[in-house]
Protein backbone atom coordinates (compact mmCIF):
# COMPACT_ATOMS: atom_id res chain seq x y z
CA MET A 1 -11.52 -60.71 -6.62
CA VAL A 2 -13.97 -60.10 -3.95
CA PRO A 3 -15.07 -57.08 -3.84
CA PHE A 4 -14.74 -54.68 -1.07
CA PHE A 5 -16.41 -51.39 0.39
CA ARG A 6 -14.96 -48.00 0.89
CA ILE A 7 -17.59 -46.09 2.98
CA TYR A 8 -17.68 -42.53 3.63
CA VAL A 9 -20.92 -41.23 5.84
CA LYS A 10 -21.05 -38.39 7.67
CA GLY A 11 -23.34 -37.11 10.62
CA CYS A 12 -24.31 -41.09 10.59
CA PRO A 13 -24.64 -43.19 14.08
CA ILE A 14 -21.70 -45.16 14.61
CA ILE A 15 -24.40 -48.08 15.09
CA PHE A 16 -24.80 -47.81 11.01
CA GLN A 17 -21.55 -48.27 10.62
CA VAL A 18 -21.07 -51.40 12.69
CA PHE A 19 -23.99 -52.86 10.47
CA ILE A 20 -22.90 -51.64 7.28
CA SER A 21 -19.22 -53.89 7.92
CA PHE A 22 -21.36 -56.76 9.01
CA CYS A 23 -23.55 -56.99 6.07
CA ASN A 24 -20.76 -57.02 4.41
CA ASN A 25 -18.65 -59.42 5.80
CA ILE A 26 -21.62 -61.85 4.88
CA LEU A 27 -21.43 -60.62 1.49
CA ASN A 28 -17.63 -61.03 1.13
CA ARG A 29 -18.83 -64.91 2.12
CA ARG A 30 -21.02 -65.28 -0.71
CA ASN A 31 -19.01 -63.36 -2.96
CA CYS A 32 -21.66 -61.24 -3.71
CA LYS A 33 -21.96 -57.81 -5.00
CA ILE A 34 -23.64 -54.77 -3.80
CA THR A 35 -25.59 -52.24 -6.06
CA THR A 36 -26.55 -47.99 -4.89
CA ASN A 37 -30.46 -49.57 -5.61
CA SER A 38 -29.62 -51.83 -2.62
CA ILE A 39 -28.65 -49.10 -0.71
CA SER A 40 -30.94 -46.77 -1.73
CA ASP A 41 -32.69 -46.14 1.78
CA LEU A 42 -29.84 -45.43 3.32
CA SER A 43 -30.43 -41.82 3.31
CA SER A 44 -33.75 -42.42 6.04
CA PHE A 45 -30.52 -42.38 8.88
CA GLY A 46 -30.16 -38.37 8.25
CA GLY A 47 -26.74 -38.27 7.09
CA TYR A 48 -25.27 -37.83 3.72
CA TYR A 49 -23.03 -40.92 2.34
CA ASN A 50 -20.99 -42.04 -0.29
CA ILE A 51 -20.48 -45.48 -0.89
CA THR A 52 -18.00 -46.54 -3.78
CA VAL A 53 -17.75 -49.88 -4.79
CA MET A 54 -14.57 -51.20 -6.15
CA GLN A 55 -12.35 -53.97 -7.18
CA GLN A 56 -8.76 -54.66 -4.72
CA LYS A 57 -6.38 -52.72 -6.01
CA LYS A 58 -8.56 -50.33 -8.10
CA TRP A 59 -8.78 -47.04 -5.89
CA ASN A 60 -10.74 -43.55 -6.31
CA TYR A 61 -10.27 -40.59 -3.80
CA ASN A 62 -11.64 -37.90 -5.99
CA PRO A 63 -15.38 -37.82 -3.88
CA PHE A 64 -12.96 -37.61 -0.93
CA TRP A 65 -10.65 -34.74 -2.29
CA GLU A 66 -13.83 -33.03 -3.67
CA GLU A 67 -15.08 -33.14 0.40
CA VAL A 68 -11.23 -31.88 1.09
CA LEU A 69 -11.57 -29.29 -1.10
CA SER A 70 -14.90 -27.93 0.02
CA GLN A 71 -13.66 -27.82 3.44
CA MET A 72 -10.76 -25.81 2.91
CA GLN A 73 -12.83 -23.18 0.93
CA SER A 74 -14.95 -22.54 4.20
CA SER A 75 -11.66 -21.84 5.79
CA LEU A 76 -9.61 -19.99 3.78
CA SER A 77 -10.30 -16.49 2.04
CA GLU A 78 -11.80 -16.00 -1.18
CA GLN A 79 -8.19 -14.45 -2.31
CA GLU A 80 -6.49 -17.53 -1.17
CA CYS A 81 -8.68 -19.97 -2.87
CA ILE A 82 -8.75 -18.09 -6.44
CA THR A 83 -4.87 -17.45 -6.32
CA TRP A 84 -3.81 -21.13 -5.39
CA LEU A 85 -6.46 -23.57 -4.24
CA ASN A 86 -9.24 -23.10 -7.55
CA ARG A 87 -6.07 -24.07 -9.48
CA ILE A 88 -5.68 -27.47 -7.63
CA THR A 89 -7.20 -30.55 -9.72
CA TYR A 90 -7.93 -34.28 -9.01
CA ALA A 91 -5.33 -36.07 -11.03
CA LYS A 92 -5.72 -39.73 -10.52
CA SER A 93 -6.08 -42.29 -7.38
CA GLU A 94 -3.33 -45.26 -6.74
CA GLU A 95 -3.43 -47.34 -3.06
CA GLN A 96 -3.18 -45.22 -0.14
CA ARG A 97 -2.03 -42.45 -2.69
CA LEU A 98 -4.05 -39.45 -3.95
CA VAL A 99 -2.13 -37.12 -6.96
CA LEU A 100 -3.41 -33.65 -7.40
CA ALA A 101 -2.31 -31.34 -10.05
CA VAL A 102 -1.26 -27.66 -10.82
CA PRO A 103 -0.49 -25.91 -13.83
CA SER A 104 3.20 -24.47 -12.59
CA LEU A 105 5.84 -25.45 -10.64
CA PHE A 106 6.00 -22.30 -8.83
CA ILE A 107 2.69 -23.17 -7.76
CA ARG A 108 3.32 -26.81 -6.94
CA ASP A 109 6.31 -25.45 -5.14
CA TYR A 110 3.90 -22.63 -2.69
CA VAL A 111 0.78 -25.51 -2.57
CA VAL A 112 3.40 -28.25 -1.02
CA THR A 113 4.65 -25.95 1.42
CA GLN A 114 1.15 -23.98 2.43
CA TYR A 115 -1.29 -26.42 1.58
CA LYS A 116 -0.28 -29.91 1.62
CA GLU A 117 -0.16 -31.27 5.62
CA THR A 118 -3.72 -29.69 5.62
CA ILE A 119 -5.02 -31.63 3.15
CA GLU A 120 -3.26 -34.80 4.04
CA SER A 121 -4.96 -34.34 7.78
CA THR A 122 -8.31 -33.39 6.41
CA LEU A 123 -8.06 -36.67 4.32
CA ARG A 124 -6.63 -38.57 6.92
CA GLU A 125 -9.68 -37.70 8.87
CA ILE A 126 -12.00 -38.24 6.16
CA THR A 127 -10.84 -41.74 5.17
CA GLY A 128 -9.84 -43.06 8.28
CA GLU A 129 -6.40 -44.01 6.80
CA GLU A 130 -3.08 -42.27 5.67
CA VAL A 131 -3.31 -41.60 2.59
CA ALA A 132 -0.47 -39.64 0.50
CA VAL A 133 -0.72 -37.03 -1.68
CA ASP A 134 1.48 -35.87 -4.19
CA ILE A 135 1.41 -32.91 -6.27
CA VAL A 136 2.72 -33.10 -9.77
CA VAL A 137 2.62 -30.15 -12.51
CA LYS A 138 0.69 -31.04 -15.35
CA ALA A 139 1.68 -30.58 -18.85
CA SER A 140 -0.59 -27.26 -20.33
CA THR A 141 -1.57 -29.13 -23.84
CA THR A 142 -1.43 -32.86 -24.69
CA THR A 143 -0.89 -34.16 -27.51
CA LYS A 144 -1.42 -37.34 -29.61
CA THR A 145 1.55 -39.62 -30.46
CA PRO A 146 1.73 -39.90 -34.11
CA GLU A 147 1.47 -42.90 -36.38
CA PRO A 148 5.32 -44.36 -37.29
CA GLU A 149 4.56 -43.89 -41.25
CA ILE A 150 4.10 -39.78 -40.04
CA VAL A 151 7.06 -39.62 -37.70
CA ALA A 152 9.01 -41.18 -40.20
CA LYS A 153 7.86 -38.43 -43.06
CA GLU A 154 8.43 -35.55 -40.13
CA VAL A 155 12.13 -36.90 -40.02
CA GLN A 156 12.71 -36.77 -43.29
CA LYS A 157 11.28 -33.18 -44.12
CA PRO A 158 11.86 -31.29 -40.61
CA THR A 159 10.00 -27.89 -40.37
CA GLN A 160 12.92 -25.01 -39.49
CA LEU A 161 11.14 -22.55 -36.93
CA PRO A 162 12.50 -18.92 -37.14
CA LYS A 163 14.97 -18.21 -34.38
CA ALA A 164 13.31 -15.49 -31.98
CA GLN A 165 14.59 -12.26 -32.05
CA LYS A 166 16.79 -10.64 -29.01
CA LYS A 167 14.84 -7.48 -28.14
CA PRO A 168 16.59 -4.70 -26.88
CA ARG A 169 16.79 -4.00 -23.36
CA ASP A 170 14.74 -0.77 -21.63
CA LEU A 171 17.13 1.49 -20.50
CA ASN A 172 14.84 3.08 -18.15
CA ILE A 173 15.59 -0.32 -15.74
CA ASN A 174 17.86 -0.06 -13.77
CA GLU A 175 19.95 -3.47 -13.19
CA ARG A 176 20.51 -3.27 -9.87
CA TYR A 177 16.82 -4.26 -8.95
CA GLN A 178 17.12 -7.79 -8.79
CA PHE A 179 15.37 -10.22 -7.25
CA ASP A 180 18.54 -12.17 -5.93
CA ASN A 181 19.35 -8.64 -3.78
CA PHE A 182 15.47 -8.34 -2.38
CA VAL A 183 15.47 -9.72 1.07
CA VAL A 184 12.21 -11.20 1.79
CA GLY A 185 10.09 -10.89 5.16
CA ASP A 186 6.43 -11.92 5.94
CA ASN A 187 5.82 -8.24 5.17
CA SER A 188 6.48 -8.99 1.05
CA SER A 189 6.39 -12.34 0.53
CA PHE A 190 3.49 -12.94 -1.24
CA ALA A 191 4.33 -9.85 -3.25
CA TYR A 192 7.49 -11.35 -4.31
CA ASN A 193 6.06 -14.70 -4.80
CA VAL A 194 3.97 -13.03 -7.75
CA SER A 195 6.40 -11.02 -8.57
CA MET A 196 8.32 -14.25 -9.59
CA ALA A 197 5.74 -16.25 -10.82
CA ILE A 198 4.82 -12.85 -13.45
CA ALA A 199 8.54 -12.99 -14.50
CA LYS A 200 8.91 -16.72 -14.88
CA ASN A 201 5.58 -16.77 -17.43
CA PRO A 202 4.70 -13.65 -18.40
CA GLY A 203 0.89 -13.35 -19.60
CA VAL A 204 -0.27 -16.67 -17.87
CA SER A 205 -1.28 -16.37 -14.40
CA TYR A 206 -1.44 -13.16 -12.80
CA ASN A 207 -2.28 -10.69 -15.42
CA PRO A 208 -2.73 -7.67 -14.83
CA CYS A 209 -0.89 -7.24 -11.44
CA LEU A 210 -0.99 -4.31 -8.94
CA ILE A 211 1.56 -4.19 -6.13
CA TYR A 212 0.92 -1.52 -3.69
CA GLY A 213 2.47 0.13 -0.46
CA GLY A 214 3.81 3.01 1.15
CA VAL A 215 6.99 4.95 0.58
CA GLY A 216 9.97 3.26 0.29
CA LEU A 217 8.61 -0.37 0.84
CA GLY A 218 10.12 -2.05 -2.34
CA LYS A 219 7.62 -1.94 -4.75
CA THR A 220 10.07 -0.29 -7.53
CA HIS A 221 12.19 -2.97 -6.60
CA LEU A 222 9.97 -5.53 -7.70
CA ILE A 223 8.54 -4.25 -10.81
CA GLN A 224 11.85 -3.15 -12.09
CA SER A 225 13.11 -7.48 -10.66
CA ILE A 226 10.32 -8.54 -12.60
CA GLY A 227 11.57 -6.32 -16.11
CA ASN A 228 15.28 -7.02 -15.63
CA PHE A 229 14.25 -11.10 -15.09
CA ILE A 230 12.26 -10.99 -17.82
CA GLN A 231 14.99 -9.26 -20.43
CA ASN A 232 17.70 -12.07 -19.22
CA ASN A 233 16.13 -14.81 -19.70
CA THR A 234 13.86 -14.46 -22.35
CA PRO A 235 15.40 -11.69 -24.29
CA GLU A 236 12.64 -12.21 -27.41
CA LEU A 237 9.84 -10.00 -25.35
CA GLN A 238 9.65 -6.39 -25.60
CA VAL A 239 9.91 -5.15 -22.50
CA VAL A 240 8.63 -1.38 -21.46
CA TYR A 241 9.07 -0.03 -18.09
CA VAL A 242 8.07 3.78 -17.34
CA THR A 243 6.72 5.65 -14.36
CA ALA A 244 2.79 7.36 -14.48
CA GLU A 245 4.66 10.93 -14.53
CA MET A 246 7.46 9.64 -17.57
CA PHE A 247 4.34 8.41 -19.49
CA THR A 248 1.88 11.65 -19.06
CA ASN A 249 4.81 13.74 -19.95
CA GLU A 250 5.17 11.78 -23.24
CA PHE A 251 2.25 11.70 -24.38
CA ILE A 252 1.78 15.64 -23.96
CA GLN A 253 4.83 15.64 -26.02
CA ALA A 254 3.30 13.64 -28.45
CA ILE A 255 -0.13 15.76 -28.83
CA GLY A 256 2.58 18.92 -28.98
CA GLU A 257 4.65 17.40 -31.76
CA GLU A 258 1.79 15.77 -33.22
CA LYS A 259 3.52 12.30 -32.75
CA THR A 260 0.17 10.44 -30.94
CA PRO A 261 0.62 7.34 -33.65
CA GLN A 262 4.00 6.82 -32.35
CA PHE A 263 3.39 7.60 -28.96
CA ARG A 264 0.94 4.39 -29.04
CA ASN A 265 3.22 2.49 -31.29
CA LYS A 266 5.45 1.83 -28.72
CA TYR A 267 3.11 1.03 -25.93
CA ARG A 268 0.66 -1.17 -27.82
CA LYS A 269 3.49 -3.32 -29.08
CA ALA A 270 5.05 -4.00 -26.12
CA ASP A 271 4.88 -7.75 -24.50
CA VAL A 272 4.89 -6.74 -20.49
CA LEU A 273 4.52 -3.36 -19.87
CA LEU A 274 5.80 -2.25 -16.46
CA ILE A 275 4.14 1.28 -15.07
CA ASP A 276 5.40 2.91 -11.54
CA ASP A 277 3.42 5.08 -9.22
CA ILE A 278 -0.35 5.16 -10.88
CA HIS A 279 -1.32 7.49 -8.35
CA PHE A 280 0.07 9.87 -10.49
CA LEU A 281 -2.32 9.97 -12.96
CA GLN A 282 -4.89 11.59 -10.54
CA LYS A 283 -6.93 14.51 -12.20
CA LYS A 284 -5.74 13.89 -15.42
CA ALA A 285 -8.49 12.82 -17.58
CA SER A 286 -6.74 12.55 -20.94
CA THR A 287 -3.58 10.68 -19.44
CA GLN A 288 -6.22 8.19 -18.28
CA GLU A 289 -8.50 7.95 -21.03
CA GLU A 290 -5.21 7.00 -23.23
CA MET A 291 -3.96 4.66 -20.46
CA PHE A 292 -7.53 2.94 -20.43
CA HIS A 293 -6.96 2.04 -24.33
CA VAL A 294 -3.32 1.12 -23.55
CA PHE A 295 -4.63 -1.05 -20.88
CA ASN A 296 -7.68 -2.81 -23.02
CA ASN A 297 -5.16 -3.34 -26.23
CA LEU A 298 -2.23 -5.16 -24.18
CA PHE A 299 -5.10 -7.29 -21.77
CA GLU A 300 -6.59 -8.53 -25.17
CA ALA A 301 -3.68 -10.07 -26.37
CA ASN A 302 -2.61 -11.65 -23.53
CA LYS A 303 0.24 -8.73 -22.91
CA GLN A 304 1.50 -9.02 -19.31
CA LEU A 305 0.56 -5.47 -17.22
CA VAL A 306 2.40 -4.55 -13.95
CA PHE A 307 1.44 -1.82 -11.68
CA THR A 308 2.54 -0.20 -8.79
CA CYS A 309 0.90 2.18 -6.38
CA ASP A 310 1.01 3.68 -2.98
CA ARG A 311 -2.44 2.90 -1.69
CA PRO A 312 -5.04 0.30 -2.50
CA ILE A 313 -6.97 1.46 -5.84
CA ASN A 314 -10.28 2.55 -4.20
CA GLU A 315 -8.14 5.06 -2.12
CA LEU A 316 -7.50 6.98 -5.54
CA ARG A 317 -9.13 9.83 -6.27
CA ASP A 318 -10.41 11.61 -9.52
CA ILE A 319 -9.51 8.05 -11.09
CA ALA A 320 -12.36 7.00 -13.81
CA ASP A 321 -13.87 4.02 -12.59
CA ARG A 322 -13.53 1.59 -15.75
CA LEU A 323 -9.79 2.49 -15.04
CA LYS A 324 -10.17 1.89 -11.30
CA ASN A 325 -12.12 -1.65 -12.22
CA ARG A 326 -9.12 -2.84 -15.04
CA PHE A 327 -6.27 -1.73 -12.41
CA THR A 328 -8.22 -4.37 -9.88
CA ARG A 329 -9.01 -7.40 -12.49
CA GLY A 330 -6.35 -9.41 -11.95
CA ILE A 331 -4.15 -9.71 -8.52
CA ASN A 332 -3.27 -6.87 -5.99
CA VAL A 333 -0.75 -7.67 -3.55
CA ASP A 334 0.24 -5.19 -0.98
CA LEU A 335 3.86 -4.18 1.16
CA GLN A 336 3.95 -3.69 4.70
CA PRO A 337 6.47 -1.77 6.77
CA PRO A 338 9.27 -4.16 7.65
CA ALA A 339 9.33 -6.11 10.94
CA PHE A 340 12.34 -5.66 13.10
CA GLU A 341 14.25 -9.34 11.97
CA THR A 342 13.59 -7.90 8.34
CA ARG A 343 15.28 -4.96 9.18
CA LEU A 344 17.92 -5.89 10.46
CA ALA A 345 18.44 -8.36 7.58
CA ILE A 346 18.18 -5.76 4.80
CA LEU A 347 21.01 -3.69 6.89
CA LYS A 348 23.39 -6.67 6.93
CA ARG A 349 22.40 -7.26 3.00
CA LYS A 350 23.32 -3.63 2.61
CA CYS A 351 26.72 -3.95 4.08
CA GLU A 352 27.76 -7.29 2.25
CA GLU A 353 27.03 -4.73 -0.93
CA ASN A 354 28.99 -2.06 -0.01
CA THR A 355 31.89 -5.07 1.13
CA CYS A 356 32.03 -2.89 4.62
CA THR A 357 31.80 -4.26 8.18
CA ILE A 358 29.50 -2.39 10.44
CA PRO A 359 29.06 -3.99 14.02
CA PHE A 360 26.09 -5.82 14.29
CA GLU A 361 24.99 -3.63 17.82
CA VAL A 362 25.25 -0.90 15.13
CA LEU A 363 22.88 -2.73 12.66
CA GLU A 364 20.60 -3.68 15.91
CA TYR A 365 20.68 -0.36 16.84
CA ILE A 366 19.65 1.00 13.13
CA SER A 367 16.85 -1.46 12.91
CA ARG A 368 14.69 -1.07 16.28
CA ASN A 369 15.04 2.83 15.49
CA VAL A 370 13.93 3.36 11.85
CA ASN A 371 10.21 1.33 11.33
CA THR A 372 9.03 3.53 8.75
CA ASN A 373 10.54 1.95 5.51
CA VAL A 374 13.56 0.50 3.73
CA ARG A 375 14.59 3.52 2.68
CA ASP A 376 14.88 5.31 5.54
CA LEU A 377 17.16 2.34 6.48
CA GLU A 378 19.72 2.73 3.72
CA ALA A 379 19.79 6.27 4.02
CA ASN A 380 21.18 5.70 7.65
CA LEU A 381 23.28 3.09 6.83
CA THR A 382 24.73 4.88 3.88
CA LYS A 383 25.45 7.95 6.47
CA LEU A 384 27.67 6.38 8.75
CA ILE A 385 29.20 4.05 5.90
CA ALA A 386 30.22 7.51 4.30
CA TYR A 387 31.41 8.95 7.59
CA GLY A 388 34.12 6.07 8.05
CA GLU A 389 35.49 6.04 4.96
CA LEU A 390 35.90 9.99 4.20
CA LEU A 391 37.31 10.34 7.76
CA ASN A 392 38.60 6.80 8.04
CA ARG A 393 37.28 5.95 11.64
CA GLU A 394 35.87 2.71 12.23
CA ILE A 395 32.10 3.08 13.28
CA THR A 396 31.03 2.13 17.15
CA LEU A 397 27.74 2.27 18.45
CA GLU A 398 28.50 5.43 20.27
CA ILE A 399 29.62 6.94 16.73
CA ALA A 400 26.02 5.72 15.49
CA GLN A 401 24.14 7.23 18.42
CA GLU A 402 25.92 10.98 17.84
CA GLN A 403 25.86 10.96 14.23
CA LEU A 404 22.10 9.57 13.86
CA LYS A 405 20.57 11.16 17.02
CA ASN A 406 18.73 13.91 14.77
CA ASN A 407 17.86 10.92 12.04
CA PHE A 408 15.67 9.41 15.11
CA SER A 409 14.33 12.63 16.20
CA MET A 410 15.17 11.60 19.96
CA GLY A 411 13.64 14.53 21.94
CA LYS A 412 10.38 15.21 19.53
CA ASN A 413 8.43 12.25 20.68
CA GLN A 414 9.17 10.22 17.90
CA SER A 415 9.30 7.03 19.76
CA LEU A 416 5.56 7.62 20.76
CA SER A 417 4.14 5.06 17.87
CA ILE A 418 0.90 5.93 15.80
CA ASP A 419 -0.72 2.43 17.17
CA ALA A 420 -0.02 4.13 20.37
CA ILE A 421 -1.62 7.05 20.12
CA ILE A 422 -4.63 5.02 18.33
CA ARG A 423 -4.62 2.41 21.24
CA LEU A 424 -5.10 5.92 23.88
CA VAL A 425 -7.71 7.44 21.78
CA GLY A 426 -9.85 4.69 21.07
CA ASP A 427 -9.51 3.31 24.77
CA TYR A 428 -10.99 6.94 25.98
CA PHE A 429 -13.67 7.56 22.95
CA SER A 430 -14.71 3.26 23.96
CA VAL A 431 -13.97 2.47 20.11
CA SER A 432 -11.52 -0.16 18.86
CA PRO A 433 -8.10 0.83 17.29
CA TYR A 434 -9.83 -1.69 14.13
CA ASP A 435 -12.60 0.97 13.46
CA ILE A 436 -10.24 3.99 13.86
CA LYS A 437 -8.40 2.50 11.25
CA GLY A 438 -11.28 1.19 9.30
CA LYS A 439 -13.79 2.60 7.09
CA LYS A 440 -16.71 3.41 9.15
CA ARG A 441 -17.79 7.06 8.35
CA THR A 442 -19.71 7.33 11.86
CA LYS A 443 -19.55 10.30 13.98
CA SER A 444 -18.58 7.87 16.75
CA VAL A 445 -15.79 6.92 14.92
CA VAL A 446 -14.75 9.65 13.29
CA LEU A 447 -14.22 12.49 16.09
CA PRO A 448 -11.98 9.75 17.17
CA ARG A 449 -10.28 8.88 14.32
CA GLN A 450 -9.61 12.99 13.38
CA ILE A 451 -8.50 13.73 16.79
CA ALA A 452 -6.06 10.45 16.87
CA MET A 453 -4.67 12.26 13.74
CA TYR A 454 -4.65 15.64 15.03
CA ILE A 455 -2.29 14.72 18.42
CA THR A 456 -0.56 12.27 16.33
CA ARG A 457 1.11 15.35 14.14
CA SER A 458 0.93 17.65 16.82
CA ILE A 459 3.36 15.76 19.19
CA THR A 460 5.64 13.27 16.66
CA GLU A 461 7.89 14.55 13.82
CA PHE A 462 5.84 11.90 11.64
CA SER A 463 4.51 13.60 8.19
CA THR A 464 0.95 13.20 7.05
CA THR A 465 2.07 10.78 4.44
CA GLU A 466 3.06 8.27 7.18
CA ILE A 467 0.44 9.09 9.36
CA GLY A 468 -2.24 8.46 6.74
CA TYR A 469 -0.60 5.16 6.00
CA GLU A 470 -0.92 3.96 9.29
CA PHE A 471 -4.78 4.78 9.75
CA GLY A 472 -5.72 2.38 6.87
CA GLY A 473 -3.83 3.87 3.76
CA ARG A 474 -5.14 7.40 3.62
CA ASP A 475 -4.04 9.73 1.86
CA HIS A 476 -2.09 12.96 3.07
CA THR A 477 -4.91 15.42 2.31
CA THR A 478 -7.51 13.32 4.98
CA VAL A 479 -4.96 13.76 7.26
CA MET A 480 -4.67 17.92 6.75
CA HIS A 481 -8.21 17.79 6.46
CA SER A 482 -8.43 16.31 10.29
CA VAL A 483 -6.21 18.01 11.59
CA GLN A 484 -7.57 21.27 10.25
CA ARG A 485 -11.20 20.63 11.44
CA VAL A 486 -9.82 19.30 14.77
CA GLU A 487 -8.31 22.86 15.30
CA GLY A 488 -11.41 24.48 14.49
CA MET A 489 -13.48 22.76 17.06
CA ILE A 490 -11.19 23.01 19.54
CA GLN A 491 -11.52 26.77 19.40
CA SER A 492 -14.95 26.60 19.31
CA ASP A 493 -15.66 23.92 21.90
CA ALA A 494 -14.28 24.10 25.39
CA GLY A 495 -14.86 20.64 26.29
CA LEU A 496 -13.67 19.05 23.32
CA SER A 497 -10.66 21.28 23.90
CA ASN A 498 -10.07 20.25 27.13
CA SER A 499 -10.50 16.39 26.33
CA VAL A 500 -7.85 16.80 23.56
CA GLN A 501 -5.55 18.48 25.88
CA HIS A 502 -5.69 15.36 28.40
CA LEU A 503 -5.21 13.07 25.60
CA MET A 504 -2.03 14.74 23.90
CA GLN A 505 -0.89 15.17 28.20
CA LEU A 506 -1.42 11.30 28.50
CA ALA A 507 0.28 10.30 25.48
CA LYS A 508 3.39 12.77 26.26
CA ASN A 509 3.40 10.82 29.76
CA SER A 510 3.55 7.39 28.40
CA LYS A 511 6.59 8.08 26.03
CA LYS A 512 8.29 9.17 29.31
CA GLY A 513 7.11 6.08 30.99
């Protein structure tokens, strides 16, 4: 075979590459080989290089894959690299074909959808040729092929494995919550895919998992969907679902009845533990202590843990640092309020589930006026369905407007968004909306943030919880404190009072316009 060269030179002049090609032609005529020693002085050109000498029909794209990986890692977030990119490994090379491996079918599907095109284009830029990229699922374990005589013995004496025992279903899990009826949008796709991966391979990839987000965004739907999926597909696993409040009440009752061992036995024997609303654990030191030990016991045994919370863990108060650390040890995913298209899709799905017909213009009307959460969407739709069924009337846009006018607060400035107020206050004080929603605590940022919260609370019907969520996921008590502080300042500072009144008038005028 006549050897040929695949040259990867970064930062070198074109003339250098031409020179190498010229030398290569001469060597081909003489049927010679080049060794790395004969080109060791190439580094004087100032770039770095990777020259692979190979026979025809022998290929090695591993060095190029490493460079592709390096470039992608520099452009993606740390979370993306940890969750997806670092799970891709080099498998083998063939002629103009690179084969990469991932540990599961779920990860393969995600990588093919999100990253394959980028990998191929980057590889094309580096190699200068079209290289096909295949993503395969590698087996978790490899076993040697036994010798023939050993196989014969095993056939003669087959080993009978005990049949897995089906565990009782957890009655706290509502069978209505399934992955199939969860409407996925841009606001929830990552959380949905992570939840599905956990349900298919509990205790393997994403452990522990924390799903956080505001009220009514689908946290309970996802965590109970995990439980239902596992109970339906791997019934030999013991699934335990509770809210943090239920966990606390059971713990207190166990102490009072001197049944602490039975309490611990219930939770520490779970294969999958699902705990909803862990923000309820704030200021409950004894329950946190018990939760800490349950967590350690299950985590060390490779049991799956999934939690939900109404805010990021670092914003919880009066939670032990060591427990916070454990909640954030695995993967944290958030749920955002759904966009208009997702809200419309949710309403259509709810109509199908209730086997009722609501005109599209009515669904669109609800979607445009309810931008808070899924629970509010369902509440408004349920009201219209009940109205139509009880009065035997067909729902029209006029009926919907009449029946839902109080829900939409049409005259209470609810149509004035929190973001609009934040931008207005930010422009007045020359502070960016990002800083107002962010974590900065300098005086130049804190005061505009508090004034924006005060104005929002004063001229809209948003609750303190909703306001806190829009201001970077802050607690409702933070909003209450800000409102009280601004109220105190405007009573003692005439200049500040005038500024706040001016901003409130601008906000009201912008609503009218």
